[in-house]
């Protein structure tokens, strides 16, 4: 199996498992309070669970990991579903919330 290069856009494919992760710039914190973690989990419910099953997850102050099995790629108004698209929809809100 071909391994993707980090920071390269990768299209999700239904029926595949992906390791989705992100961290703060210069290892800065993403989560400062319990509320930040709960807010992020709500974003996972909203943007990930309609399209994928979360097989494993780990949220740490400076980064997170999700292992997801993609079921459905249909998203309105989006031509291409990529890991970075979902990450940006989930994490940008936290950074500026």
PDB file of N, CA and C in Angstrom:
ATOM      1  N   UNK A   1       0.844  -1.178   0.000  1.00  0.00           N
ATOM      2  CA  UNK A   1       0.000   0.000   0.000  1.00  0.00           C
ATOM      3  C   UNK A   1       0.891   1.244   0.000  1.00  0.00           C
ATOM      4  N   UNK A   2       0.564   2.184  -0.839  1.00  0.00           N
ATOM      5  CA  UNK A   2       1.320   3.432  -0.920  1.00  0.00           C
ATOM      6  C   UNK A   2       1.013   4.301   0.298  1.00  0.00           C
ATOM      7  N   UNK A   3       2.051   4.759   0.980  1.00  0.00           N
ATOM      8  CA  UNK A   3       1.882   5.620   2.153  1.00  0.00           C
ATOM      9  C   UNK A   3       1.823   7.075   1.707  1.00  0.00           C
ATOM     10  N   UNK A   4       0.831   7.848   2.191  1.00  0.00           N
ATOM     11  CA  UNK A   4       0.765   9.265   1.804  1.00  0.00           C
ATOM     12  C   UNK A   4       1.893  10.062   2.449  1.00  0.00           C
ATOM     13  N   UNK A   5       2.304  11.094   1.772  1.00  0.00           N
ATOM     14  CA  UNK A   5       3.310  12.009   2.305  1.00  0.00           C
ATOM     15  C   UNK A   5       2.599  12.968   3.250  1.00  0.00           C
ATOM     16  N   UNK A   6       3.222  13.269   4.390  1.00  0.00           N
ATOM     17  CA  UNK A   6       2.603  14.199   5.327  1.00  0.00           C
ATOM     18  C   UNK A   6       2.328  15.533   4.652  1.00  0.00           C
ATOM     19  N   UNK A   7       1.238  16.159   5.030  1.00  0.00           N
ATOM     20  CA  UNK A   7       0.792  17.451   4.505  1.00  0.00           C
ATOM     21  C   UNK A   7       0.341  17.376   3.052  1.00  0.00           C
ATOM     22  N   UNK A   8       0.198  16.192   2.514  1.00  0.00           N
ATOM     23  CA  UNK A   8      -0.301  16.017   1.156  1.00  0.00           C
ATOM     24  C   UNK A   8      -1.799  15.755   1.246  1.00  0.00           C
ATOM     25  N   UNK A   9      -2.572  16.402   0.388  1.00  0.00           N
ATOM     26  CA  UNK A   9      -4.009  16.162   0.377  1.00  0.00           C
ATOM     27  C   UNK A   9      -4.275  14.725  -0.034  1.00  0.00           C
ATOM     28  N   UNK A  10      -5.097  14.044   0.737  1.00  0.00           N
ATOM     29  CA  UNK A  10      -5.456  12.661   0.464  1.00  0.00           C
ATOM     30  C   UNK A  10      -6.977  12.588   0.419  1.00  0.00           C
ATOM     31  N   UNK A  11      -7.513  12.016  -0.630  1.00  0.00           N
ATOM     32  CA  UNK A  11      -8.966  11.858  -0.706  1.00  0.00           C
ATOM     33  C   UNK A  11      -9.379  10.653   0.106  1.00  0.00           C
ATOM     34  N   UNK A  12     -10.417  10.805   0.916  1.00  0.00           N
ATOM     35  CA  UNK A  12     -10.977   9.667   1.626  1.00  0.00           C
ATOM     36  C   UNK A  12     -11.673   8.754   0.621  1.00  0.00           C
ATOM     37  N   UNK A  13     -11.632   7.454   0.896  1.00  0.00           N
ATOM     38  CA  UNK A  13     -12.362   6.486   0.102  1.00  0.00           C
ATOM     39  C   UNK A  13     -13.227   5.667   1.035  1.00  0.00           C
ATOM     40  N   UNK A  14     -14.482   5.456   0.647  1.00  0.00           N
ATOM     41  CA  UNK A  14     -15.394   4.661   1.463  1.00  0.00           C
ATOM     42  C   UNK A  14     -14.832   3.253   1.643  1.00  0.00           C
ATOM     43  N   UNK A  15     -15.022   2.716   2.855  1.00  0.00           N
ATOM     44  CA  UNK A  15     -14.557   1.364   3.145  1.00  0.00           C
ATOM     45  C   UNK A  15     -13.125   1.284   3.620  1.00  0.00           C
ATOM     46  N   UNK A  16     -12.433   2.415   3.713  1.00  0.00           N
ATOM     47  CA  UNK A  16     -11.041   2.430   4.156  1.00  0.00           C
ATOM     48  C   UNK A  16     -10.933   3.005   5.566  1.00  0.00           C
ATOM     49  N   UNK A  17      -9.828   2.669   6.223  1.00  0.00           N
ATOM     50  CA  UNK A  17      -9.537   3.168   7.566  1.00  0.00           C
ATOM     51  C   UNK A  17      -8.426   4.210   7.465  1.00  0.00           C
ATOM     52  N   UNK A  18      -8.587   5.314   8.193  1.00  0.00           N
ATOM     53  CA  UNK A  18      -7.613   6.408   8.156  1.00  0.00           C
ATOM     54  C   UNK A  18      -7.213   6.818   9.572  1.00  0.00           C
ATOM     55  N   UNK A  19      -5.967   7.194   9.704  1.00  0.00           N
ATOM     56  CA  UNK A  19      -5.445   7.800  10.934  1.00  0.00           C
ATOM     57  C   UNK A  19      -5.446   9.308  10.682  1.00  0.00           C
ATOM     58  N   UNK A  20      -6.337  10.003  11.352  1.00  0.00           N
ATOM     59  CA  UNK A  20      -6.465  11.453  11.197  1.00  0.00           C
ATOM     60  C   UNK A  20      -5.875  12.096  12.443  1.00  0.00           C
ATOM     61  N   UNK A  21      -4.959  13.025  12.240  1.00  0.00           N
ATOM     62  CA  UNK A  21      -4.326  13.658  13.393  1.00  0.00           C
ATOM     63  C   UNK A  21      -3.974  15.093  13.064  1.00  0.00           C
ATOM     64  N   UNK A  22      -3.792  15.868  14.102  1.00  0.00           N
ATOM     65  CA  UNK A  22      -3.372  17.250  13.951  1.00  0.00           C
ATOM     66  C   UNK A  22      -2.800  17.712  15.276  1.00  0.00           C
ATOM     67  N   UNK A  23      -1.958  18.716  15.210  1.00  0.00           N
ATOM     68  CA  UNK A  23      -1.405  19.293  16.437  1.00  0.00           C
ATOM     69  C   UNK A  23      -1.313  20.794  16.282  1.00  0.00           C
ATOM     70  N   UNK A  24      -1.171  21.472  17.404  1.00  0.00           N
ATOM     71  CA  UNK A  24      -1.054  22.919  17.380  1.00  0.00           C
ATOM     72  C   UNK A  24       0.257  23.361  16.754  1.00  0.00           C
ATOM     73  N   UNK A  25       0.262  24.558  16.190  1.00  0.00           N
ATOM     74  CA  UNK A  25       1.504  25.117  15.649  1.00  0.00           C
ATOM     75  C   UNK A  25       2.564  25.183  16.734  1.00  0.00           C
ATOM     76  N   UNK A  26       3.770  24.759  16.401  1.00  0.00           N
ATOM     77  CA  UNK A  26       4.877  24.757  17.363  1.00  0.00           C
ATOM     78  C   UNK A  26       4.494  24.028  18.646  1.00  0.00           C
ATOM     79  N   UNK A  27       3.684  22.990  18.502  1.00  0.00           N
ATOM     80  CA  UNK A  27       3.216  22.177  19.629  1.00  0.00           C
ATOM     81  C   UNK A  27       2.440  22.981  20.665  1.00  0.00           C
ATOM     82  N   UNK A  28       1.800  24.051  20.233  1.00  0.00           N
ATOM     83  CA  UNK A  28       0.966  24.831  21.144  1.00  0.00           C
ATOM     84  C   UNK A  28      -0.282  24.038  21.495  1.00  0.00           C
ATOM     85  N   UNK A  29      -0.883  24.371  22.598  1.00  0.00           N
ATOM     86  CA  UNK A  29      -2.081  23.678  23.069  1.00  0.00           C
ATOM     87  C   UNK A  29      -3.263  23.923  22.133  1.00  0.00           C
ATOM     88  N   UNK A  30      -4.026  22.874  21.925  1.00  0.00           N
ATOM     89  CA  UNK A  30      -5.308  22.973  21.236  1.00  0.00           C
ATOM     90  C   UNK A  30      -6.441  23.053  22.245  1.00  0.00           C
ATOM     91  N   UNK A  31      -6.263  22.366  23.360  1.00  0.00           N
ATOM     92  CA  UNK A  31      -7.299  22.252  24.381  1.00  0.00           C
ATOM     93  C   UNK A  31      -6.794  22.874  25.677  1.00  0.00           C
ATOM     94  N   UNK A  32      -7.513  23.855  26.175  1.00  0.00           N
ATOM     95  CA  UNK A  32      -7.114  24.552  27.400  1.00  0.00           C
ATOM     96  C   UNK A  32      -7.986  24.166  28.595  1.00  0.00           C
ATOM     97  N   UNK A  33      -9.238  23.837  28.311  1.00  0.00           N
ATOM     98  CA  UNK A  33     -10.179  23.517  29.387  1.00  0.00           C
ATOM     99  C   UNK A  33     -10.967  22.270  29.016  1.00  0.00           C
ATOM    100  N   UNK A  34     -11.672  21.712  29.980  1.00  0.00           N
ATOM    101  CA  UNK A  34     -12.548  20.569  29.727  1.00  0.00           C
ATOM    102  C   UNK A  34     -13.579  20.936  28.659  1.00  0.00           C
ATOM    103  N   UNK A  35     -14.049  22.170  28.695  1.00  0.00           N
ATOM    104  CA  UNK A  35     -15.012  22.626  27.701  1.00  0.00           C
ATOM    105  C   UNK A  35     -14.477  22.560  26.279  1.00  0.00           C
ATOM    106  N   UNK A  36     -13.177  22.815  26.096  1.00  0.00           N
ATOM    107  CA  UNK A  36     -12.581  22.708  24.763  1.00  0.00           C
ATOM    108  C   UNK A  36     -12.664  21.275  24.240  1.00  0.00           C
ATOM    109  N   UNK A  37     -12.385  20.300  25.126  1.00  0.00           N
ATOM    110  CA  UNK A  37     -12.473  18.894  24.732  1.00  0.00           C
ATOM    111  C   UNK A  37     -13.915  18.535  24.355  1.00  0.00           C
ATOM    112  N   UNK A  38     -14.874  18.973  25.165  1.00  0.00           N
ATOM    113  CA  UNK A  38     -16.276  18.671  24.894  1.00  0.00           C
ATOM    114  C   UNK A  38     -16.743  19.322  23.599  1.00  0.00           C
ATOM    115  N   UNK A  39     -16.282  20.543  23.340  1.00  0.00           N
ATOM    116  CA  UNK A  39     -16.614  21.241  22.105  1.00  0.00           C
ATOM    117  C   UNK A  39     -16.087  20.458  20.898  1.00  0.00           C
ATOM    118  N   UNK A  40     -14.849  19.966  20.995  1.00  0.00           N
ATOM    119  CA  UNK A  40     -14.239  19.196  19.913  1.00  0.00           C
ATOM    120  C   UNK A  40     -14.991  17.890  19.681  1.00  0.00           C
ATOM    121  N   UNK A  41     -15.371  17.216  20.751  1.00  0.00           N
ATOM    122  CA  UNK A  41     -16.131  15.973  20.620  1.00  0.00           C
ATOM    123  C   UNK A  41     -17.465  16.242  19.926  1.00  0.00           C
ATOM    124  N   UNK A  42     -18.082  17.357  20.227  1.00  0.00           N
ATOM    125  CA  UNK A  42     -19.326  17.718  19.545  1.00  0.00           C
ATOM    126  C   UNK A  42     -19.082  17.935  18.045  1.00  0.00           C
ATOM    127  N   UNK A  43     -17.939  18.522  17.688  1.00  0.00           N
ATOM    128  CA  UNK A  43     -17.592  18.703  16.272  1.00  0.00           C
ATOM    129  C   UNK A  43     -17.379  17.350  15.597  1.00  0.00           C
ATOM    130  N   UNK A  44     -16.795  16.397  16.306  1.00  0.00           N
ATOM    131  CA  UNK A  44     -16.638  15.047  15.755  1.00  0.00           C
ATOM    132  C   UNK A  44     -18.017  14.452  15.485  1.00  0.00           C
ATOM    133  N   UNK A  45     -18.937  14.612  16.425  1.00  0.00           N
ATOM    134  CA  UNK A  45     -20.303  14.107  16.228  1.00  0.00           C
ATOM    135  C   UNK A  45     -20.957  14.741  15.004  1.00  0.00           C
ATOM    136  N   UNK A  46     -20.741  16.030  14.832  1.00  0.00           N
ATOM    137  CA  UNK A  46     -21.389  16.762  13.747  1.00  0.00           C
ATOM    138  C   UNK A  46     -20.772  16.483  12.385  1.00  0.00           C
ATOM    139  N   UNK A  47     -19.435  16.477  12.300  1.00  0.00           N
ATOM    140  CA  UNK A  47     -18.764  16.430  11.000  1.00  0.00           C
ATOM    141  C   UNK A  47     -18.161  15.078  10.632  1.00  0.00           C
ATOM    142  N   UNK A  48     -17.902  14.221  11.593  1.00  0.00           N
ATOM    143  CA  UNK A  48     -17.260  12.940  11.285  1.00  0.00           C
ATOM    144  C   UNK A  48     -18.256  11.787  11.335  1.00  0.00           C
ATOM    145  N   UNK A  49     -19.018  11.682  12.415  1.00  0.00           N
ATOM    146  CA  UNK A  49     -19.899  10.523  12.593  1.00  0.00           C
ATOM    147  C   UNK A  49     -20.940  10.329  11.495  1.00  0.00           C
ATOM    148  N   UNK A  50     -21.413  11.375  10.828  1.00  0.00           N
ATOM    149  CA  UNK A  50     -22.336  11.111   9.721  1.00  0.00           C
ATOM    150  C   UNK A  50     -21.674  10.385   8.545  1.00  0.00           C
ATOM    151  N   UNK A  51     -20.337  10.371   8.508  1.00  0.00           N
ATOM    152  CA  UNK A  51     -19.607   9.832   7.361  1.00  0.00           C
ATOM    153  C   UNK A  51     -18.664   8.695   7.706  1.00  0.00           C
ATOM    154  N   UNK A  52     -18.350   8.531   8.992  1.00  0.00           N
ATOM    155  CA  UNK A  52     -17.348   7.536   9.375  1.00  0.00           C
ATOM    156  C   UNK A  52     -17.603   7.043  10.792  1.00  0.00           C
ATOM    157  N   UNK A  53     -17.132   5.830  11.056  1.00  0.00           N
ATOM    158  CA  UNK A  53     -17.145   5.298  12.416  1.00  0.00           C
ATOM    159  C   UNK A  53     -15.801   5.625  13.047  1.00  0.00           C
ATOM    160  N   UNK A  54     -15.816   6.114  14.271  1.00  0.00           N
ATOM    161  CA  UNK A  54     -14.566   6.363  14.994  1.00  0.00           C
ATOM    162  C   UNK A  54     -14.195   5.066  15.696  1.00  0.00           C
ATOM    163  N   UNK A  55     -13.086   4.467  15.277  1.00  0.00           N
ATOM    164  CA  UNK A  55     -12.641   3.198  15.842  1.00  0.00           C
ATOM    165  C   UNK A  55     -11.797   3.409  17.093  1.00  0.00           C
ATOM    166  N   UNK A  56     -11.034   4.489  17.113  1.00  0.00           N
ATOM    167  CA  UNK A  56     -10.190   4.825  18.262  1.00  0.00           C
ATOM    168  C   UNK A  56      -9.943   6.322  18.233  1.00  0.00           C
ATOM    169  N   UNK A  57      -9.715   6.893  19.404  1.00  0.00           N
ATOM    170  CA  UNK A  57      -9.434   8.322  19.468  1.00  0.00           C
ATOM    171  C   UNK A  57      -8.598   8.620  20.692  1.00  0.00           C
ATOM    172  N   UNK A  58      -7.850   9.698  20.612  1.00  0.00           N
ATOM    173  CA  UNK A  58      -7.040  10.170  21.726  1.00  0.00           C
ATOM    174  C   UNK A  58      -6.924  11.682  21.602  1.00  0.00           C
ATOM    175  N   UNK A  59      -7.373  12.394  22.628  1.00  0.00           N
ATOM    176  CA  UNK A  59      -7.284  13.855  22.647  1.00  0.00           C
ATOM    177  C   UNK A  59      -6.293  14.238  23.726  1.00  0.00           C
ATOM    178  N   UNK A  60      -5.250  14.946  23.339  1.00  0.00           N
ATOM    179  CA  UNK A  60      -4.232  15.417  24.273  1.00  0.00           C
ATOM    180  C   UNK A  60      -4.156  16.930  24.184  1.00  0.00           C
ATOM    181  N   UNK A  61      -3.578  17.595  25.166  1.00  0.00           N
ATOM    182  CA  UNK A  61      -3.589  19.060  25.149  1.00  0.00           C
ATOM    183  C   UNK A  61      -3.042  19.680  23.866  1.00  0.00           C
ATOM    184  N   UNK A  62      -2.013  19.087  23.268  1.00  0.00           N
ATOM    185  CA  UNK A  62      -1.381  19.703  22.099  1.00  0.00           C
ATOM    186  C   UNK A  62      -1.743  19.061  20.769  1.00  0.00           C
ATOM    187  N   UNK A  63      -2.412  17.916  20.793  1.00  0.00           N
ATOM    188  CA  UNK A  63      -2.751  17.248  19.539  1.00  0.00           C
ATOM    189  C   UNK A  63      -3.832  16.196  19.764  1.00  0.00           C
ATOM    190  N   UNK A  64      -4.298  15.622  18.644  1.00  0.00           N
ATOM    191  CA  UNK A  64      -5.299  14.562  18.728  1.00  0.00           C
ATOM    192  C   UNK A  64      -5.052  13.532  17.646  1.00  0.00           C
ATOM    193  N   UNK A  65      -5.608  12.351  17.870  1.00  0.00           N
ATOM    194  CA  UNK A  65      -5.573  11.257  16.903  1.00  0.00           C
ATOM    195  C   UNK A  65      -6.965  10.671  16.814  1.00  0.00           C
ATOM    196  N   UNK A  66      -7.399  10.376  15.597  1.00  0.00           N
ATOM    197  CA  UNK A  66      -8.642   9.650  15.356  1.00  0.00           C
ATOM    198  C   UNK A  66      -8.330   8.522  14.390  1.00  0.00           C
ATOM    199  N   UNK A  67      -8.850   7.334  14.640  1.00  0.00           N
ATOM    200  CA  UNK A  67      -8.808   6.267  13.653  1.00  0.00           C
ATOM    201  C   UNK A  67     -10.246   6.089  13.199  1.00  0.00           C
ATOM    202  N   UNK A  68     -10.486   6.339  11.927  1.00  0.00           N
ATOM    203  CA  UNK A  68     -11.851   6.319  11.414  1.00  0.00           C
ATOM    204  C   UNK A  68     -11.992   5.349  10.251  1.00  0.00           C
ATOM    205  N   UNK A  69     -13.154   4.727  10.179  1.00  0.00           N
ATOM    206  CA  UNK A  69     -13.528   3.888   9.046  1.00  0.00           C
ATOM    207  C   UNK A  69     -14.577   4.669   8.267  1.00  0.00           C
ATOM    208  N   UNK A  70     -14.256   5.031   7.045  1.00  0.00           N
ATOM    209  CA  UNK A  70     -15.135   5.874   6.229  1.00  0.00           C
ATOM    210  C   UNK A  70     -16.265   5.026   5.643  1.00  0.00           C
ATOM    211  N   UNK A  71     -17.491   5.482   5.875  1.00  0.00           N
ATOM    212  CA  UNK A  71     -18.677   4.791   5.369  1.00  0.00           C
ATOM    213  C   UNK A  71     -19.299   5.502   4.181  1.00  0.00           C
ATOM    214  N   UNK A  72     -19.411   6.824   4.276  1.00  0.00           N
ATOM    215  CA  UNK A  72     -20.165   7.599   3.305  1.00  0.00           C
ATOM    216  C   UNK A  72     -19.413   8.896   3.037  1.00  0.00           C
ATOM    217  N   UNK A  73     -19.228   9.217   1.780  1.00  0.00           N
ATOM    218  CA  UNK A  73     -18.483  10.425   1.426  1.00  0.00           C
ATOM    219  C   UNK A  73     -19.374  11.578   0.998  1.00  0.00           C
ATOM    220  N   UNK A  74     -20.673  11.395   1.025  1.00  0.00           N
ATOM    221  CA  UNK A  74     -21.571  12.456   0.562  1.00  0.00           C
ATOM    222  C   UNK A  74     -21.590  13.616   1.559  1.00  0.00           C
ATOM    223  N   UNK A  75     -21.144  14.763   1.097  1.00  0.00           N
ATOM    224  CA  UNK A  75     -21.213  15.994   1.888  1.00  0.00           C
ATOM    225  C   UNK A  75     -21.698  17.085   0.957  1.00  0.00           C
ATOM    226  N   UNK A  76     -22.704  17.811   1.359  1.00  0.00           N
ATOM    227  CA  UNK A  76     -23.254  18.859   0.515  1.00  0.00           C
ATOM    228  C   UNK A  76     -22.241  19.973   0.292  1.00  0.00           C
ATOM    229  N   UNK A  77     -22.214  20.511  -0.916  1.00  0.00           N
ATOM    230  CA  UNK A  77     -21.390  21.665  -1.291  1.00  0.00           C
ATOM    231  C   UNK A  77     -19.894  21.379  -1.228  1.00  0.00           C
ATOM    232  N   UNK A  78     -19.488  20.130  -1.266  1.00  0.00           N
ATOM    233  CA  UNK A  78     -18.066  19.799  -1.224  1.00  0.00           C
ATOM    234  C   UNK A  78     -17.782  18.851  -2.371  1.00  0.00           C
ATOM    235  N   UNK A  79     -16.845  19.222  -3.226  1.00  0.00           N
ATOM    236  CA  UNK A  79     -16.491  18.373  -4.351  1.00  0.00           C
ATOM    237  C   UNK A  79     -15.529  17.274  -3.939  1.00  0.00           C
ATOM    238  N   UNK A  80     -14.634  17.577  -3.003  1.00  0.00           N
ATOM    239  CA  UNK A  80     -13.610  16.624  -2.608  1.00  0.00           C
ATOM    240  C   UNK A  80     -13.537  16.588  -1.083  1.00  0.00           C
ATOM    241  N   UNK A  81     -13.651  15.419  -0.519  1.00  0.00           N
ATOM    242  CA  UNK A  81     -13.563  15.262   0.929  1.00  0.00           C
ATOM    243  C   UNK A  81     -12.154  14.785   1.254  1.00  0.00           C
ATOM    244  N   UNK A  82     -11.420  15.588   1.989  1.00  0.00           N
ATOM    245  CA  UNK A  82     -10.056  15.236   2.363  1.00  0.00           C
ATOM    246  C   UNK A  82      -9.914  15.315   3.875  1.00  0.00           C
ATOM    247  N   UNK A  83      -8.906  14.624   4.435  1.00  0.00           N
ATOM    248  CA  UNK A  83      -8.681  14.753   5.874  1.00  0.00           C
ATOM    249  C   UNK A  83      -8.490  16.196   6.305  1.00  0.00           C
ATOM    250  N   UNK A  84      -7.751  16.979   5.525  1.00  0.00           N
ATOM    251  CA  UNK A  84      -7.501  18.361   5.928  1.00  0.00           C
ATOM    252  C   UNK A  84      -8.794  19.173   5.951  1.00  0.00           C
ATOM    253  N   UNK A  85      -9.744  18.859   5.059  1.00  0.00           N
ATOM    254  CA  UNK A  85     -11.027  19.564   5.070  1.00  0.00           C
ATOM    255  C   UNK A  85     -11.753  19.328   6.390  1.00  0.00           C
ATOM    256  N   UNK A  86     -11.847  18.065   6.805  1.00  0.00           N
ATOM    257  CA  UNK A  86     -12.545  17.762   8.057  1.00  0.00           C
ATOM    258  C   UNK A  86     -11.805  18.344   9.247  1.00  0.00           C
ATOM    259  N   UNK A  87     -10.479  18.254   9.240  1.00  0.00           N
ATOM    260  CA  UNK A  87      -9.690  18.794  10.346  1.00  0.00           C
ATOM    261  C   UNK A  87      -9.902  20.296  10.441  1.00  0.00           C
ATOM    262  N   UNK A  88      -9.838  20.995   9.324  1.00  0.00           N
ATOM    263  CA  UNK A  88     -10.032  22.444   9.351  1.00  0.00           C
ATOM    264  C   UNK A  88     -11.412  22.802   9.864  1.00  0.00           C
ATOM    265  N   UNK A  89     -12.432  22.051   9.473  1.00  0.00           N
ATOM    266  CA  UNK A  89     -13.787  22.353   9.949  1.00  0.00           C
ATOM    267  C   UNK A  89     -13.904  22.130  11.446  1.00  0.00           C
ATOM    268  N   UNK A  90     -13.110  21.202  11.994  1.00  0.00           N
ATOM    269  CA  UNK A  90     -13.201  20.908  13.425  1.00  0.00           C
ATOM    270  C   UNK A  90     -12.269  21.784  14.249  1.00  0.00           C
ATOM    271  N   UNK A  91     -11.028  22.016  13.783  1.00  0.00           N
ATOM    272  CA  UNK A  91     -10.048  22.655  14.647  1.00  0.00           C
ATOM    273  C   UNK A  91     -10.016  24.173  14.530  1.00  0.00           C
ATOM    274  N   UNK A  92     -10.315  24.720  13.378  1.00  0.00           N
ATOM    275  CA  UNK A  92     -10.266  26.171  13.266  1.00  0.00           C
ATOM    276  C   UNK A  92     -11.256  26.817  14.213  1.00  0.00           C
ATOM    277  N   UNK A  93     -12.389  26.177  14.418  1.00  0.00           N
ATOM    278  CA  UNK A  93     -13.377  26.719  15.335  1.00  0.00           C
ATOM    279  C   UNK A  93     -12.840  26.739  16.751  1.00  0.00           C
ATOM    280  N   UNK A  94     -12.112  25.710  17.132  1.00  0.00           N
ATOM    281  CA  UNK A  94     -11.552  25.666  18.493  1.00  0.00           C
ATOM    282  C   UNK A  94     -10.514  26.766  18.678  1.00  0.00           C
ATOM    283  N   UNK A  95      -9.657  26.967  17.712  1.00  0.00           N
ATOM    284  CA  UNK A  95      -8.598  27.954  17.840  1.00  0.00           C
ATOM    285  C   UNK A  95      -9.143  29.363  18.029  1.00  0.00           C
ATOM    286  N   UNK A  96     -10.298  29.648  17.423  1.00  0.00           N
ATOM    287  CA  UNK A  96     -10.825  31.005  17.476  1.00  0.00           C
ATOM    288  C   UNK A  96     -12.087  31.103  18.307  1.00  0.00           C
ATOM    289  N   UNK A  97     -12.452  30.036  18.989  1.00  0.00           N
ATOM    290  CA  UNK A  97     -13.686  30.023  19.783  1.00  0.00           C
ATOM    291  C   UNK A  97     -13.496  30.833  21.053  1.00  0.00           C
TER     292      UNK A  97
END
